[in-house]
C-alpha cells in the first residue's frame, strides 16, 4: 500500500500504517500520532480511563486540531523520530 497524501502530491511512498480516521495509507513522513484516553469499564459502575494511541494522516490531524481543540492538543508529529 502507498501513502494516500503522497499519491495526491504525485509521489509514490510506501505506507507504514493506516489512518484510524479516514483509512488512507500513511507514510513515515506524513504520519501523526494521536494519544488520547478511552473510557474503560473495569466493573459495573467503576469506570477507568486508559491511554491509547492512533496513527492519523496530516489532513485528519488538521481537522481534529481545528474542530476538537481539547483532543487536538494530543496530536503530535512523529516524523524524524
C-alpha atoms as a PDB file:
ATOM      1  CA  UNK A   1       0.000   0.000   0.000  1.00  0.00           C
ATOM      2  CA  UNK A   2       1.172   3.542  -0.723  1.00  0.00           C
ATOM      3  CA  UNK A   3       0.696   6.776   1.216  1.00  0.00           C
ATOM      4  CA  UNK A   4      -2.528   8.481   0.145  1.00  0.00           C
ATOM      5  CA  UNK A   5      -1.352  12.078   0.776  1.00  0.00           C
ATOM      6  CA  UNK A   6       1.895  11.471  -1.127  1.00  0.00           C
ATOM      7  CA  UNK A   7      -0.054   9.990  -4.048  1.00  0.00           C
ATOM      8  CA  UNK A   8      -2.177  13.142  -4.209  1.00  0.00           C
ATOM      9  CA  UNK A   9       1.071  15.151  -4.395  1.00  0.00           C
ATOM     10  CA  UNK A  10       2.381  12.974  -7.249  1.00  0.00           C
ATOM     11  CA  UNK A  11       4.839  10.924  -5.179  1.00  0.00           C
ATOM     12  CA  UNK A  12       4.939   7.170  -4.602  1.00  0.00           C
ATOM     13  CA  UNK A  13       5.840   6.390  -0.985  1.00  0.00           C
ATOM     14  CA  UNK A  14       5.297   3.129   0.883  1.00  0.00           C
ATOM     15  CA  UNK A  15       2.772   3.409   3.719  1.00  0.00           C
ATOM     16  CA  UNK A  16       3.807   2.328   7.217  1.00  0.00           C
ATOM     17  CA  UNK A  17       0.257   2.241   8.557  1.00  0.00           C
ATOM     18  CA  UNK A  18      -3.358   3.231   8.086  1.00  0.00           C
ATOM     19  CA  UNK A  19      -5.032   6.431   9.307  1.00  0.00           C
ATOM     20  CA  UNK A  20      -7.511   5.498  12.027  1.00  0.00           C
ATOM     21  CA  UNK A  21      -9.772   8.368  10.986  1.00  0.00           C
ATOM     22  CA  UNK A  22     -10.083   8.105   7.183  1.00  0.00           C
ATOM     23  CA  UNK A  23      -8.473   4.719   6.454  1.00  0.00           C
ATOM     24  CA  UNK A  24      -5.892   6.059   3.990  1.00  0.00           C
ATOM     25  CA  UNK A  25      -2.328   4.780   3.887  1.00  0.00           C
ATOM     26  CA  UNK A  26       0.187   6.917   5.826  1.00  0.00           C
ATOM     27  CA  UNK A  27       3.969   7.084   5.269  1.00  0.00           C
ATOM     28  CA  UNK A  28       6.624   7.855   7.887  1.00  0.00           C
ATOM     29  CA  UNK A  29       6.921  11.471   6.716  1.00  0.00           C
ATOM     30  CA  UNK A  30       3.177  12.203   6.857  1.00  0.00           C
ATOM     31  CA  UNK A  31       2.122  10.287   9.987  1.00  0.00           C
ATOM     32  CA  UNK A  32       0.819  11.973  13.135  1.00  0.00           C
ATOM     33  CA  UNK A  33       0.315  10.275  16.483  1.00  0.00           C
ATOM     34  CA  UNK A  34      -2.967  10.883  18.312  1.00  0.00           C
ATOM     35  CA  UNK A  35      -2.615   9.991  22.004  1.00  0.00           C
ATOM     36  CA  UNK A  36      -5.904  10.028  23.890  1.00  0.00           C
ATOM     37  CA  UNK A  37      -7.792   8.450  26.769  1.00  0.00           C
ATOM     38  CA  UNK A  38     -10.535   5.891  26.277  1.00  0.00           C
ATOM     39  CA  UNK A  39     -13.120   5.148  28.947  1.00  0.00           C
ATOM     40  CA  UNK A  40     -12.860   1.556  30.097  1.00  0.00           C
ATOM     41  CA  UNK A  41     -15.308  -0.288  32.316  1.00  0.00           C
ATOM     42  CA  UNK A  42     -13.376  -2.175  34.981  1.00  0.00           C
ATOM     43  CA  UNK A  43     -16.580  -3.416  36.579  1.00  0.00           C
ATOM     44  CA  UNK A  44     -20.178  -2.188  36.556  1.00  0.00           C
ATOM     45  CA  UNK A  45     -20.223   1.380  37.826  1.00  0.00           C
ATOM     46  CA  UNK A  46     -16.421   1.529  38.043  1.00  0.00           C
ATOM     47  CA  UNK A  47     -15.138   3.427  35.006  1.00  0.00           C
ATOM     48  CA  UNK A  48     -11.455   3.949  34.396  1.00  0.00           C
ATOM     49  CA  UNK A  49      -9.543   5.533  31.557  1.00  0.00           C
ATOM     50  CA  UNK A  50      -6.662   4.060  29.649  1.00  0.00           C
ATOM     51  CA  UNK A  51      -4.290   5.898  27.365  1.00  0.00           C
ATOM     52  CA  UNK A  52      -4.104   4.698  23.784  1.00  0.00           C
ATOM     53  CA  UNK A  53      -2.629   5.978  20.562  1.00  0.00           C
ATOM     54  CA  UNK A  54      -3.634   6.038  16.924  1.00  0.00           C
ATOM     55  CA  UNK A  55      -1.839   6.800  13.688  1.00  0.00           C
ATOM     56  CA  UNK A  56      -3.534   9.539  11.673  1.00  0.00           C
ATOM     57  CA  UNK A  57      -2.715  11.422   8.476  1.00  0.00           C
ATOM     58  CA  UNK A  58      -1.878  15.124   8.431  1.00  0.00           C
ATOM     59  CA  UNK A  59      -5.238  16.001   6.851  1.00  0.00           C
ATOM     60  CA  UNK A  60      -7.210  14.319   9.645  1.00  0.00           C
ATOM     61  CA  UNK A  61      -4.826  15.771  12.270  1.00  0.00           C
ATOM     62  CA  UNK A  62      -5.624  19.277  10.997  1.00  0.00           C
ATOM     63  CA  UNK A  63      -9.374  18.618  11.237  1.00  0.00           C
ATOM     64  CA  UNK A  64      -9.062  17.201  14.763  1.00  0.00           C
ATOM     65  CA  UNK A  65      -6.937  20.160  15.876  1.00  0.00           C
ATOM     66  CA  UNK A  66      -9.380  22.699  14.390  1.00  0.00           C
ATOM     67  CA  UNK A  67     -12.709  21.157  15.361  1.00  0.00           C
ATOM     68  CA  UNK A  68     -11.829  19.254  18.554  1.00  0.00           C
ATOM     69  CA  UNK A  69      -9.409  21.605  20.334  1.00  0.00           C
ATOM     70  CA  UNK A  70      -9.195  19.543  23.534  1.00  0.00           C
ATOM     71  CA  UNK A  71      -8.285  16.394  21.627  1.00  0.00           C
ATOM     72  CA  UNK A  72      -6.159  18.334  19.119  1.00  0.00           C
ATOM     73  CA  UNK A  73      -3.597  19.093  21.811  1.00  0.00           C
ATOM     74  CA  UNK A  74      -2.738  15.385  21.895  1.00  0.00           C
ATOM     75  CA  UNK A  75      -1.855  15.155  18.181  1.00  0.00           C
ATOM     76  CA  UNK A  76       1.916  15.051  17.691  1.00  0.00           C
ATOM     77  CA  UNK A  77       4.125  14.758  14.650  1.00  0.00           C
ATOM     78  CA  UNK A  78       6.342  11.691  14.699  1.00  0.00           C
ATOM     79  CA  UNK A  79       8.328  12.449  11.540  1.00  0.00           C
ATOM     80  CA  UNK A  80      12.061  12.180  12.054  1.00  0.00           C
ATOM     81  CA  UNK A  81      11.648  10.039  15.141  1.00  0.00           C
END
